[in-house]
C-alpha cells in the first residue's frame, strides 16, 4: 500500500489510541501487525524531526529541553512537510469496516481511512 510518511505517523498515533480497546483476536492481530509495519518509519521520522530541532531550528532550554522559537516555526514546518511527503510502500493489511464493531473517534477514522475498506 502506498502511504506518505505523514499518513504513517498520524495513523500510528491513531492506532496507539485505539490499541487499548478490546477487539476480536483477528482484528487485534491486524491492528498490531499494521502498527509493527509502521513503527520503523515513524521512529525514523521522529529521529529526523528531533535532529532538525537540535541542529537547525531549535533552542535549548532548561533541563535539556528543546523548542522551536516562533520566528523559525514556519521554516521548520516546511521542512517537516517535505519529510512527511516521502512516499512509502508498505504491506498494510486492510480491514473490512462492514465486518467489525469498533468504537473509534472521527478524527482517528479520518487518519486511518486508508486501512479500512467497505464491501
PDB file of N, CA and C in Angstrom:
ATOM      1  N   UNK A   1       0.851  -1.171   0.000  1.00  0.00           N
ATOM      2  CA  UNK A   1       0.000   0.000   0.000  1.00  0.00           C
ATOM      3  C   UNK A   1       0.895   1.232   0.000  1.00  0.00           C
ATOM      4  N   UNK A   2       0.508   2.216  -0.790  1.00  0.00           N
ATOM      5  CA  UNK A   2       1.239   3.480  -0.854  1.00  0.00           C
ATOM      6  C   UNK A   2       0.676   4.441   0.196  1.00  0.00           C
ATOM      7  N   UNK A   3       1.566   4.957   1.015  1.00  0.00           N
ATOM      8  CA  UNK A   3       1.232   5.971   2.016  1.00  0.00           C
ATOM      9  C   UNK A   3       2.343   7.004   2.017  1.00  0.00           C
ATOM     10  N   UNK A   4       2.029   8.190   2.489  1.00  0.00           N
ATOM     11  CA  UNK A   4       3.097   9.144   2.742  1.00  0.00           C
ATOM     12  C   UNK A   4       3.596   8.909   4.164  1.00  0.00           C
ATOM     13  N   UNK A   5       4.778   9.405   4.440  1.00  0.00           N
ATOM     14  CA  UNK A   5       5.317   9.283   5.791  1.00  0.00           C
ATOM     15  C   UNK A   5       4.407   9.989   6.794  1.00  0.00           C
ATOM     16  N   UNK A   6       3.829  11.103   6.398  1.00  0.00           N
ATOM     17  CA  UNK A   6       2.897  11.814   7.287  1.00  0.00           C
ATOM     18  C   UNK A   6       1.678  10.946   7.609  1.00  0.00           C
ATOM     19  N   UNK A   7       1.128  10.253   6.611  1.00  0.00           N
ATOM     20  CA  UNK A   7      -0.007   9.359   6.861  1.00  0.00           C
ATOM     21  C   UNK A   7       0.391   8.244   7.819  1.00  0.00           C
ATOM     22  N   UNK A   8       1.598   7.732   7.663  1.00  0.00           N
ATOM     23  CA  UNK A   8       2.084   6.672   8.548  1.00  0.00           C
ATOM     24  C   UNK A   8       2.199   7.173   9.986  1.00  0.00           C
ATOM     25  N   UNK A   9       2.752   8.368  10.160  1.00  0.00           N
ATOM     26  CA  UNK A   9       2.937   8.935  11.506  1.00  0.00           C
ATOM     27  C   UNK A   9       1.582   9.185  12.176  1.00  0.00           C
ATOM     28  N   UNK A  10       0.671   9.818  11.453  1.00  0.00           N
ATOM     29  CA  UNK A  10      -0.649  10.101  12.019  1.00  0.00           C
ATOM     30  C   UNK A  10      -1.429   8.805  12.277  1.00  0.00           C
ATOM     31  N   UNK A  11      -1.329   7.865  11.357  1.00  0.00           N
ATOM     32  CA  UNK A  11      -2.015   6.590  11.517  1.00  0.00           C
ATOM     33  C   UNK A  11      -1.485   5.801  12.694  1.00  0.00           C
ATOM     34  N   UNK A  12      -0.179   5.815  12.877  1.00  0.00           N
ATOM     35  CA  UNK A  12       0.428   5.107  14.003  1.00  0.00           C
ATOM     36  C   UNK A  12      -0.083   5.675  15.327  1.00  0.00           C
ATOM     37  N   UNK A  13      -0.164   6.984  15.420  1.00  0.00           N
ATOM     38  CA  UNK A  13      -0.685   7.615  16.644  1.00  0.00           C
ATOM     39  C   UNK A  13      -2.127   7.212  16.899  1.00  0.00           C
ATOM     40  N   UNK A  14      -2.933   7.181  15.845  1.00  0.00           N
ATOM     41  CA  UNK A  14      -4.334   6.769  15.989  1.00  0.00           C
ATOM     42  C   UNK A  14      -4.415   5.304  16.409  1.00  0.00           C
ATOM     43  N   UNK A  15      -3.582   4.453  15.833  1.00  0.00           N
ATOM     44  CA  UNK A  15      -3.569   3.037  16.215  1.00  0.00           C
ATOM     45  C   UNK A  15      -3.165   2.865  17.677  1.00  0.00           C
ATOM     46  N   UNK A  16      -2.246   3.689  18.152  1.00  0.00           N
ATOM     47  CA  UNK A  16      -1.879   3.641  19.568  1.00  0.00           C
ATOM     48  C   UNK A  16      -3.072   3.985  20.456  1.00  0.00           C
ATOM     49  N   UNK A  17      -3.856   4.975  20.043  1.00  0.00           N
ATOM     50  CA  UNK A  17      -5.012   5.374  20.848  1.00  0.00           C
ATOM     51  C   UNK A  17      -6.076   4.278  20.894  1.00  0.00           C
ATOM     52  N   UNK A  18      -6.380   3.675  19.757  1.00  0.00           N
ATOM     53  CA  UNK A  18      -7.422   2.652  19.758  1.00  0.00           C
ATOM     54  C   UNK A  18      -6.878   1.297  20.192  1.00  0.00           C
ATOM     55  N   UNK A  19      -5.568   1.188  20.302  1.00  0.00           N
ATOM     56  CA  UNK A  19      -4.939  -0.075  20.678  1.00  0.00           C
ATOM     57  C   UNK A  19      -5.223  -0.551  22.085  1.00  0.00           C
ATOM     58  N   UNK A  20      -5.780   0.295  22.927  1.00  0.00           N
ATOM     59  CA  UNK A  20      -6.110  -0.106  24.290  1.00  0.00           C
ATOM     60  C   UNK A  20      -7.490  -0.740  24.401  1.00  0.00           C
ATOM     61  N   UNK A  21      -8.240  -0.704  23.305  1.00  0.00           N
ATOM     62  CA  UNK A  21      -9.580  -1.297  23.299  1.00  0.00           C
ATOM     63  C   UNK A  21      -9.482  -2.806  23.115  1.00  0.00           C
ATOM     64  N   UNK A  22     -10.514  -3.505  23.511  1.00  0.00           N
ATOM     65  CA  UNK A  22     -10.584  -4.955  23.317  1.00  0.00           C
ATOM     66  C   UNK A  22     -11.293  -5.229  21.990  1.00  0.00           C
ATOM     67  N   UNK A  23     -10.693  -6.097  21.171  1.00  0.00           N
ATOM     68  CA  UNK A  23     -11.240  -6.478  19.877  1.00  0.00           C
ATOM     69  C   UNK A  23     -11.166  -7.994  19.740  1.00  0.00           C
ATOM     70  N   UNK A  24     -11.926  -8.532  18.811  1.00  0.00           N
ATOM     71  CA  UNK A  24     -11.741  -9.955  18.499  1.00  0.00           C
ATOM     72  C   UNK A  24     -10.292 -10.197  18.069  1.00  0.00           C
ATOM     73  N   UNK A  25      -9.813 -11.398  18.279  1.00  0.00           N
ATOM     74  CA  UNK A  25      -8.409 -11.722  18.062  1.00  0.00           C
ATOM     75  C   UNK A  25      -7.916 -11.376  16.656  1.00  0.00           C
ATOM     76  N   UNK A  26      -8.731 -11.626  15.649  1.00  0.00           N
ATOM     77  CA  UNK A  26      -8.305 -11.347  14.271  1.00  0.00           C
ATOM     78  C   UNK A  26      -8.089  -9.848  14.055  1.00  0.00           C
ATOM     79  N   UNK A  27      -9.000  -9.037  14.556  1.00  0.00           N
ATOM     80  CA  UNK A  27      -8.864  -7.576  14.411  1.00  0.00           C
ATOM     81  C   UNK A  27      -7.660  -7.083  15.210  1.00  0.00           C
ATOM     82  N   UNK A  28      -7.510  -7.604  16.435  1.00  0.00           N
ATOM     83  CA  UNK A  28      -6.352  -7.218  17.250  1.00  0.00           C
ATOM     84  C   UNK A  28      -5.048  -7.539  16.531  1.00  0.00           C
ATOM     85  N   UNK A  29      -5.006  -8.708  15.919  1.00  0.00           N
ATOM     86  CA  UNK A  29      -3.812  -9.101  15.175  1.00  0.00           C
ATOM     87  C   UNK A  29      -3.547  -8.132  14.018  1.00  0.00           C
ATOM     88  N   UNK A  30      -4.570  -7.824  13.249  1.00  0.00           N
ATOM     89  CA  UNK A  30      -4.408  -6.923  12.100  1.00  0.00           C
ATOM     90  C   UNK A  30      -3.926  -5.537  12.547  1.00  0.00           C
ATOM     91  N   UNK A  31      -4.508  -5.028  13.621  1.00  0.00           N
ATOM     92  CA  UNK A  31      -4.123  -3.702  14.117  1.00  0.00           C
ATOM     93  C   UNK A  31      -2.679  -3.683  14.606  1.00  0.00           C
ATOM     94  N   UNK A  32      -2.308  -4.684  15.410  1.00  0.00           N
ATOM     95  CA  UNK A  32      -0.941  -4.681  15.932  1.00  0.00           C
ATOM     96  C   UNK A  32       0.069  -4.973  14.828  1.00  0.00           C
ATOM     97  N   UNK A  33      -0.312  -5.769  13.843  1.00  0.00           N
ATOM     98  CA  UNK A  33       0.574  -6.041  12.708  1.00  0.00           C
ATOM     99  C   UNK A  33       0.845  -4.751  11.937  1.00  0.00           C
ATOM    100  N   UNK A  34      -0.209  -3.985  11.699  1.00  0.00           N
ATOM    101  CA  UNK A  34      -0.034  -2.720  10.987  1.00  0.00           C
ATOM    102  C   UNK A  34       0.818  -1.746  11.796  1.00  0.00           C
ATOM    103  N   UNK A  35       0.639  -1.733  13.110  1.00  0.00           N
ATOM    104  CA  UNK A  35       1.479  -0.877  13.952  1.00  0.00           C
ATOM    105  C   UNK A  35       2.949  -1.268  13.819  1.00  0.00           C
ATOM    106  N   UNK A  36       3.203  -2.559  13.832  1.00  0.00           N
ATOM    107  CA  UNK A  36       4.580  -3.048  13.728  1.00  0.00           C
ATOM    108  C   UNK A  36       5.190  -2.671  12.371  1.00  0.00           C
ATOM    109  N   UNK A  37       4.394  -2.679  11.325  1.00  0.00           N
ATOM    110  CA  UNK A  37       4.885  -2.303  10.000  1.00  0.00           C
ATOM    111  C   UNK A  37       5.176  -0.804   9.929  1.00  0.00           C
ATOM    112  N   UNK A  38       4.335   0.002  10.550  1.00  0.00           N
ATOM    113  CA  UNK A  38       4.510   1.456  10.530  1.00  0.00           C
ATOM    114  C   UNK A  38       5.639   1.928  11.443  1.00  0.00           C
ATOM    115  N   UNK A  39       5.885   1.205  12.509  1.00  0.00           N
ATOM    116  CA  UNK A  39       6.788   1.662  13.571  1.00  0.00           C
ATOM    117  C   UNK A  39       8.184   2.092  13.096  1.00  0.00           C
ATOM    118  N   UNK A  40       8.902   1.328  12.267  1.00  0.00           N
ATOM    119  CA  UNK A  40      10.247   1.785  11.873  1.00  0.00           C
ATOM    120  C   UNK A  40      10.250   3.130  11.152  1.00  0.00           C
ATOM    121  N   UNK A  41       9.287   3.347  10.274  1.00  0.00           N
ATOM    122  CA  UNK A  41       9.225   4.621   9.566  1.00  0.00           C
ATOM    123  C   UNK A  41       8.845   5.764  10.499  1.00  0.00           C
ATOM    124  N   UNK A  42       7.956   5.495  11.437  1.00  0.00           N
ATOM    125  CA  UNK A  42       7.558   6.511  12.414  1.00  0.00           C
ATOM    126  C   UNK A  42       8.745   6.872  13.304  1.00  0.00           C
ATOM    127  N   UNK A  43       9.508   5.876  13.731  1.00  0.00           N
ATOM    128  CA  UNK A  43      10.685   6.144  14.555  1.00  0.00           C
ATOM    129  C   UNK A  43      11.729   6.950  13.783  1.00  0.00           C
ATOM    130  N   UNK A  44      11.911   6.621  12.515  1.00  0.00           N
ATOM    131  CA  UNK A  44      12.861   7.363  11.687  1.00  0.00           C
ATOM    132  C   UNK A  44      12.417   8.822  11.512  1.00  0.00           C
ATOM    133  N   UNK A  45      11.128   9.025  11.294  1.00  0.00           N
ATOM    134  CA  UNK A  45      10.576  10.372  11.187  1.00  0.00           C
ATOM    135  C   UNK A  45      10.864  11.159  12.464  1.00  0.00           C
ATOM    136  N   UNK A  46      10.618  10.533  13.603  1.00  0.00           N
ATOM    137  CA  UNK A  46      10.833  11.204  14.888  1.00  0.00           C
ATOM    138  C   UNK A  46      12.309  11.550  15.093  1.00  0.00           C
ATOM    139  N   UNK A  47      13.193  10.647  14.708  1.00  0.00           N
ATOM    140  CA  UNK A  47      14.633  10.928  14.807  1.00  0.00           C
ATOM    141  C   UNK A  47      15.007  12.137  13.951  1.00  0.00           C
ATOM    142  N   UNK A  48      14.490  12.187  12.736  1.00  0.00           N
ATOM    143  CA  UNK A  48      14.790  13.307  11.838  1.00  0.00           C
ATOM    144  C   UNK A  48      14.184  14.615  12.349  1.00  0.00           C
ATOM    145  N   UNK A  49      12.982  14.524  12.925  1.00  0.00           N
ATOM    146  CA  UNK A  49      12.337  15.715  13.475  1.00  0.00           C
ATOM    147  C   UNK A  49      13.184  16.294  14.614  1.00  0.00           C
ATOM    148  N   UNK A  50      13.631  15.421  15.494  1.00  0.00           N
ATOM    149  CA  UNK A  50      14.470  15.862  16.621  1.00  0.00           C
ATOM    150  C   UNK A  50      15.801  16.404  16.112  1.00  0.00           C
ATOM    151  N   UNK A  51      16.370  15.760  15.119  1.00  0.00           N
ATOM    152  CA  UNK A  51      17.623  16.237  14.537  1.00  0.00           C
ATOM    153  C   UNK A  51      17.458  17.645  13.965  1.00  0.00           C
ATOM    154  N   UNK A  52      16.355  17.886  13.261  1.00  0.00           N
ATOM    155  CA  UNK A  52      16.085  19.226  12.721  1.00  0.00           C
ATOM    156  C   UNK A  52      15.992  20.260  13.839  1.00  0.00           C
ATOM    157  N   UNK A  53      15.330  19.886  14.920  1.00  0.00           N
ATOM    158  CA  UNK A  53      15.187  20.819  16.039  1.00  0.00           C
ATOM    159  C   UNK A  53      16.553  21.121  16.640  1.00  0.00           C
ATOM    160  N   UNK A  54      17.333  20.085  16.905  1.00  0.00           N
ATOM    161  CA  UNK A  54      18.601  20.269  17.604  1.00  0.00           C
ATOM    162  C   UNK A  54      19.697  20.884  16.734  1.00  0.00           C
ATOM    163  N   UNK A  55      19.642  20.668  15.429  1.00  0.00           N
ATOM    164  CA  UNK A  55      20.740  21.155  14.588  1.00  0.00           C
ATOM    165  C   UNK A  55      20.394  22.393  13.774  1.00  0.00           C
ATOM    166  N   UNK A  56      19.111  22.672  13.567  1.00  0.00           N
ATOM    167  CA  UNK A  56      18.781  23.766  12.652  1.00  0.00           C
ATOM    168  C   UNK A  56      17.819  24.810  13.204  1.00  0.00           C
ATOM    169  N   UNK A  57      16.797  24.386  13.939  1.00  0.00           N
ATOM    170  CA  UNK A  57      15.725  25.321  14.263  1.00  0.00           C
ATOM    171  C   UNK A  57      15.487  25.552  15.749  1.00  0.00           C
ATOM    172  N   UNK A  58      15.942  24.652  16.572  1.00  0.00           N
ATOM    173  CA  UNK A  58      15.600  24.712  17.986  1.00  0.00           C
ATOM    174  C   UNK A  58      16.557  25.508  18.835  1.00  0.00           C
ATOM    175  N   UNK A  59      16.069  25.790  20.005  1.00  0.00           N
ATOM    176  CA  UNK A  59      16.842  26.475  21.032  1.00  0.00           C
ATOM    177  C   UNK A  59      16.759  25.609  22.284  1.00  0.00           C
ATOM    178  N   UNK A  60      17.916  25.360  22.880  1.00  0.00           N
ATOM    179  CA  UNK A  60      17.941  24.530  24.079  1.00  0.00           C
ATOM    180  C   UNK A  60      17.565  25.361  25.294  1.00  0.00           C
ATOM    181  N   UNK A  61      16.658  24.798  26.077  1.00  0.00           N
ATOM    182  CA  UNK A  61      16.209  25.472  27.288  1.00  0.00           C
ATOM    183  C   UNK A  61      16.703  24.749  28.520  1.00  0.00           C
ATOM    184  N   UNK A  62      16.017  25.001  29.604  1.00  0.00           N
ATOM    185  CA  UNK A  62      16.375  24.369  30.869  1.00  0.00           C
ATOM    186  C   UNK A  62      16.103  22.870  30.817  1.00  0.00           C
ATOM    187  N   UNK A  63      16.830  22.128  31.637  1.00  0.00           N
ATOM    188  CA  UNK A  63      16.655  20.673  31.760  1.00  0.00           C
ATOM    189  C   UNK A  63      16.788  19.946  30.423  1.00  0.00           C
ATOM    190  N   UNK A  64      17.662  20.473  29.553  1.00  0.00           N
ATOM    191  CA  UNK A  64      17.935  19.863  28.249  1.00  0.00           C
ATOM    192  C   UNK A  64      16.688  19.722  27.377  1.00  0.00           C
ATOM    193  N   UNK A  65      15.754  20.656  27.520  1.00  0.00           N
ATOM    194  CA  UNK A  65      14.574  20.661  26.650  1.00  0.00           C
ATOM    195  C   UNK A  65      14.864  21.525  25.426  1.00  0.00           C
ATOM    196  N   UNK A  66      14.223  21.214  24.334  1.00  0.00           N
ATOM    197  CA  UNK A  66      14.405  21.949  23.090  1.00  0.00           C
ATOM    198  C   UNK A  66      13.064  22.468  22.609  1.00  0.00           C
ATOM    199  N   UNK A  67      13.081  23.629  21.994  1.00  0.00           N
ATOM    200  CA  UNK A  67      11.859  24.217  21.439  1.00  0.00           C
ATOM    201  C   UNK A  67      12.218  25.011  20.194  1.00  0.00           C
ATOM    202  N   UNK A  68      11.275  25.069  19.280  1.00  0.00           N
ATOM    203  CA  UNK A  68      11.449  25.878  18.081  1.00  0.00           C
ATOM    204  C   UNK A  68      10.820  27.244  18.356  1.00  0.00           C
ATOM    205  N   UNK A  69      11.627  28.305  18.274  1.00  0.00           N
ATOM    206  CA  UNK A  69      11.065  29.639  18.529  1.00  0.00           C
ATOM    207  C   UNK A  69      10.075  30.041  17.439  1.00  0.00           C
ATOM    208  N   UNK A  70       9.117  30.888  17.786  1.00  0.00           N
ATOM    209  CA  UNK A  70       8.075  31.281  16.828  1.00  0.00           C
ATOM    210  C   UNK A  70       8.613  31.797  15.492  1.00  0.00           C
ATOM    211  N   UNK A  71       9.717  32.520  15.510  1.00  0.00           N
ATOM    212  CA  UNK A  71      10.248  33.081  14.262  1.00  0.00           C
ATOM    213  C   UNK A  71      10.827  32.018  13.317  1.00  0.00           C
ATOM    214  N   UNK A  72      11.080  30.809  13.823  1.00  0.00           N
ATOM    215  CA  UNK A  72      11.597  29.726  12.979  1.00  0.00           C
ATOM    216  C   UNK A  72      10.556  28.636  12.723  1.00  0.00           C
ATOM    217  N   UNK A  73       9.387  28.783  13.293  1.00  0.00           N
ATOM    218  CA  UNK A  73       8.362  27.742  13.220  1.00  0.00           C
ATOM    219  C   UNK A  73       7.876  27.491  11.791  1.00  0.00           C
ATOM    220  N   UNK A  74       7.686  28.532  11.009  1.00  0.00           N
ATOM    221  CA  UNK A  74       7.194  28.358   9.639  1.00  0.00           C
ATOM    222  C   UNK A  74       8.202  27.572   8.792  1.00  0.00           C
ATOM    223  N   UNK A  75       9.466  27.939   8.892  1.00  0.00           N
ATOM    224  CA  UNK A  75      10.512  27.255   8.127  1.00  0.00           C
ATOM    225  C   UNK A  75      10.656  25.791   8.589  1.00  0.00           C
ATOM    226  N   UNK A  76      10.587  25.571   9.892  1.00  0.00           N
ATOM    227  CA  UNK A  76      10.646  24.225  10.453  1.00  0.00           C
ATOM    228  C   UNK A  76       9.463  23.390   9.949  1.00  0.00           C
ATOM    229  N   UNK A  77       8.283  23.969   9.944  1.00  0.00           N
ATOM    230  CA  UNK A  77       7.082  23.271   9.467  1.00  0.00           C
ATOM    231  C   UNK A  77       7.207  22.891   7.996  1.00  0.00           C
ATOM    232  N   UNK A  78       7.812  23.760   7.193  1.00  0.00           N
ATOM    233  CA  UNK A  78       8.016  23.452   5.777  1.00  0.00           C
ATOM    234  C   UNK A  78       8.931  22.248   5.608  1.00  0.00           C
ATOM    235  N   UNK A  79       9.988  22.184   6.400  1.00  0.00           N
ATOM    236  CA  UNK A  79      10.909  21.039   6.332  1.00  0.00           C
ATOM    237  C   UNK A  79      10.199  19.753   6.755  1.00  0.00           C
ATOM    238  N   UNK A  80       9.375  19.845   7.801  1.00  0.00           N
ATOM    239  CA  UNK A  80       8.625  18.663   8.233  1.00  0.00           C
ATOM    240  C   UNK A  80       7.641  18.218   7.161  1.00  0.00           C
ATOM    241  N   UNK A  81       7.047  19.160   6.470  1.00  0.00           N
ATOM    242  CA  UNK A  81       6.102  18.833   5.393  1.00  0.00           C
ATOM    243  C   UNK A  81       6.823  18.087   4.268  1.00  0.00           C
ATOM    244  N   UNK A  82       8.034  18.522   3.934  1.00  0.00           N
ATOM    245  CA  UNK A  82       8.822  17.824   2.918  1.00  0.00           C
ATOM    246  C   UNK A  82       9.132  16.407   3.384  1.00  0.00           C
ATOM    247  N   UNK A  83       9.552  16.274   4.623  1.00  0.00           N
ATOM    248  CA  UNK A  83       9.834  14.951   5.189  1.00  0.00           C
ATOM    249  C   UNK A  83       8.576  14.088   5.172  1.00  0.00           C
ATOM    250  N   UNK A  84       7.463  14.648   5.582  1.00  0.00           N
ATOM    251  CA  UNK A  84       6.201  13.917   5.625  1.00  0.00           C
ATOM    252  C   UNK A  84       5.668  13.521   4.263  1.00  0.00           C
ATOM    253  N   UNK A  85       6.134  14.169   3.208  1.00  0.00           N
ATOM    254  CA  UNK A  85       5.633  13.873   1.866  1.00  0.00           C
ATOM    255  C   UNK A  85       6.341  12.686   1.210  1.00  0.00           C
ATOM    256  N   UNK A  86       7.329  12.124   1.874  1.00  0.00           N
ATOM    257  CA  UNK A  86       8.035  10.961   1.330  1.00  0.00           C
ATOM    258  C   UNK A  86       7.043   9.814   1.159  1.00  0.00           C
ATOM    259  N   UNK A  87       7.083   9.195  -0.013  1.00  0.00           N
ATOM    260  CA  UNK A  87       6.188   8.075  -0.295  1.00  0.00           C
ATOM    261  C   UNK A  87       6.755   6.775   0.249  1.00  0.00           C
ATOM    262  N   UNK A  88       5.879   5.994   0.845  1.00  0.00           N
ATOM    263  CA  UNK A  88       6.235   4.685   1.371  1.00  0.00           C
ATOM    264  C   UNK A  88       5.406   3.628   0.657  1.00  0.00           C
ATOM    265  N   UNK A  89       5.952   2.456   0.548  1.00  0.00           N
ATOM    266  CA  UNK A  89       5.206   1.311   0.028  1.00  0.00           C
ATOM    267  C   UNK A  89       5.272   0.239   1.113  1.00  0.00           C
ATOM    268  N   UNK A  90       4.136   0.017   1.781  1.00  0.00           N
ATOM    269  CA  UNK A  90       4.100  -0.865   2.954  1.00  0.00           C
ATOM    270  C   UNK A  90       3.090  -1.980   2.766  1.00  0.00           C
ATOM    271  N   UNK A  91       3.354  -3.092   3.413  1.00  0.00           N
ATOM    272  CA  UNK A  91       2.465  -4.255   3.356  1.00  0.00           C
ATOM    273  C   UNK A  91       1.394  -4.146   4.448  1.00  0.00           C
ATOM    274  N   UNK A  92       0.544  -3.137   4.319  1.00  0.00           N
ATOM    275  CA  UNK A  92      -0.513  -2.880   5.293  1.00  0.00           C
ATOM    276  C   UNK A  92      -1.704  -3.798   5.012  1.00  0.00           C
ATOM    277  N   UNK A  93      -2.249  -4.377   6.075  1.00  0.00           N
ATOM    278  CA  UNK A  93      -3.479  -5.159   5.944  1.00  0.00           C
ATOM    279  C   UNK A  93      -4.668  -4.214   6.073  1.00  0.00           C
ATOM    280  N   UNK A  94      -5.614  -4.346   5.159  1.00  0.00           N
ATOM    281  CA  UNK A  94      -6.834  -3.555   5.273  1.00  0.00           C
ATOM    282  C   UNK A  94      -7.869  -4.357   6.064  1.00  0.00           C
ATOM    283  N   UNK A  95      -8.798  -3.644   6.644  1.00  0.00           N
ATOM    284  CA  UNK A  95      -9.846  -4.254   7.461  1.00  0.00           C
ATOM    285  C   UNK A  95     -11.190  -3.832   6.886  1.00  0.00           C
ATOM    286  N   UNK A  96     -12.054  -4.814   6.665  1.00  0.00           N
ATOM    287  CA  UNK A  96     -13.383  -4.530   6.145  1.00  0.00           C
ATOM    288  C   UNK A  96     -14.225  -3.945   7.278  1.00  0.00           C
ATOM    289  N   UNK A  97     -14.553  -2.697   7.151  1.00  0.00           N
ATOM    290  CA  UNK A  97     -15.274  -1.976   8.203  1.00  0.00           C
ATOM    291  C   UNK A  97     -16.690  -2.519   8.407  1.00  0.00           C
ATOM    292  N   UNK A  98     -17.231  -3.189   7.389  1.00  0.00           N
ATOM    293  CA  UNK A  98     -18.575  -3.759   7.497  1.00  0.00           C
ATOM    294  C   UNK A  98     -18.621  -5.003   8.383  1.00  0.00           C
ATOM    295  N   UNK A  99     -17.472  -5.593   8.654  1.00  0.00           N
ATOM    296  CA  UNK A  99     -17.447  -6.850   9.413  1.00  0.00           C
ATOM    297  C   UNK A  99     -17.022  -6.683  10.861  1.00  0.00           C
ATOM    298  N   UNK A 100     -16.760  -5.456  11.288  1.00  0.00           N
ATOM    299  CA  UNK A 100     -16.310  -5.250  12.671  1.00  0.00           C
ATOM    300  C   UNK A 100     -17.177  -4.216  13.369  1.00  0.00           C
ATOM    301  N   UNK A 101     -17.176  -4.306  14.672  1.00  0.00           N
ATOM    302  CA  UNK A 101     -17.844  -3.317  15.506  1.00  0.00           C
ATOM    303  C   UNK A 101     -16.757  -2.672  16.342  1.00  0.00           C
ATOM    304  N   UNK A 102     -16.400  -1.457  15.991  1.00  0.00           N
ATOM    305  CA  UNK A 102     -15.288  -0.778  16.638  1.00  0.00           C
ATOM    306  C   UNK A 102     -15.710   0.637  17.013  1.00  0.00           C
ATOM    307  N   UNK A 103     -15.348   1.038  18.205  1.00  0.00           N
ATOM    308  CA  UNK A 103     -15.581   2.422  18.622  1.00  0.00           C
ATOM    309  C   UNK A 103     -14.321   3.208  18.293  1.00  0.00           C
ATOM    310  N   UNK A 104     -14.487   4.206  17.454  1.00  0.00           N
ATOM    311  CA  UNK A 104     -13.329   4.993  17.026  1.00  0.00           C
ATOM    312  C   UNK A 104     -13.752   6.445  16.860  1.00  0.00           C
ATOM    313  N   UNK A 105     -12.908   7.328  17.331  1.00  0.00           N
ATOM    314  CA  UNK A 105     -13.182   8.761  17.199  1.00  0.00           C
ATOM    315  C   UNK A 105     -13.124   9.157  15.724  1.00  0.00           C
ATOM    316  N   UNK A 106     -13.973  10.078  15.303  1.00  0.00           N
ATOM    317  CA  UNK A 106     -13.968  10.514  13.902  1.00  0.00           C
ATOM    318  C   UNK A 106     -12.588  10.976  13.424  1.00  0.00           C
ATOM    319  N   UNK A 107     -11.836  11.657  14.271  1.00  0.00           N
ATOM    320  CA  UNK A 107     -10.503  12.115  13.868  1.00  0.00           C
ATOM    321  C   UNK A 107      -9.566  10.945  13.599  1.00  0.00           C
ATOM    322  N   UNK A 108      -9.665   9.895  14.427  1.00  0.00           N
ATOM    323  CA  UNK A 108      -8.834   8.717  14.211  1.00  0.00           C
ATOM    324  C   UNK A 108      -9.257   7.984  12.942  1.00  0.00           C
ATOM    325  N   UNK A 109     -10.549   7.883  12.716  1.00  0.00           N
ATOM    326  CA  UNK A 109     -11.035   7.246  11.496  1.00  0.00           C
ATOM    327  C   UNK A 109     -10.553   8.013  10.266  1.00  0.00           C
ATOM    328  N   UNK A 110     -10.542   9.326  10.359  1.00  0.00           N
ATOM    329  CA  UNK A 110     -10.087  10.166   9.248  1.00  0.00           C
ATOM    330  C   UNK A 110      -8.640   9.849   8.869  1.00  0.00           C
ATOM    331  N   UNK A 111      -7.748   9.728   9.867  1.00  0.00           N
ATOM    332  CA  UNK A 111      -6.338   9.479   9.558  1.00  0.00           C
ATOM    333  C   UNK A 111      -6.058   8.010   9.250  1.00  0.00           C
ATOM    334  N   UNK A 112      -7.023   7.141   9.530  1.00  0.00           N
ATOM    335  CA  UNK A 112      -6.858   5.713   9.239  1.00  0.00           C
ATOM    336  C   UNK A 112      -7.730   5.236   8.068  1.00  0.00           C
ATOM    337  N   UNK A 113      -8.311   6.149   7.327  1.00  0.00           N
ATOM    338  CA  UNK A 113      -9.228   5.750   6.266  1.00  0.00           C
ATOM    339  C   UNK A 113      -8.573   4.825   5.257  1.00  0.00           C
ATOM    340  N   UNK A 114      -7.261   4.908   5.069  1.00  0.00           N
ATOM    341  CA  UNK A 114      -6.541   4.040   4.149  1.00  0.00           C
ATOM    342  C   UNK A 114      -6.507   2.580   4.619  1.00  0.00           C
ATOM    343  N   UNK A 115      -6.765   2.347   5.890  1.00  0.00           N
ATOM    344  CA  UNK A 115      -6.694   0.999   6.432  1.00  0.00           C
ATOM    345  C   UNK A 115      -8.049   0.281   6.378  1.00  0.00           C
ATOM    346  N   UNK A 116      -9.119   1.029   6.277  1.00  0.00           N
ATOM    347  CA  UNK A 116     -10.451   0.434   6.281  1.00  0.00           C
ATOM    348  C   UNK A 116     -11.048   0.422   4.884  1.00  0.00           C
ATOM    349  N   UNK A 117     -11.682  -0.681   4.552  1.00  0.00           N
ATOM    350  CA  UNK A 117     -12.369  -0.817   3.271  1.00  0.00           C
ATOM    351  C   UNK A 117     -13.812  -1.208   3.536  1.00  0.00           C
ATOM    352  N   UNK A 118     -14.662  -0.989   2.555  1.00  0.00           N
ATOM    353  CA  UNK A 118     -16.064  -1.418   2.660  1.00  0.00           C
ATOM    354  C   UNK A 118     -16.342  -2.424   1.557  1.00  0.00           C
ATOM    355  N   UNK A 119     -17.342  -3.280   1.799  1.00  0.00           N
ATOM    356  CA  UNK A 119     -17.650  -4.292   0.773  1.00  0.00           C
ATOM    357  C   UNK A 119     -18.520  -3.737  -0.313  1.00  0.00           C
TER     358      UNK A 119
END
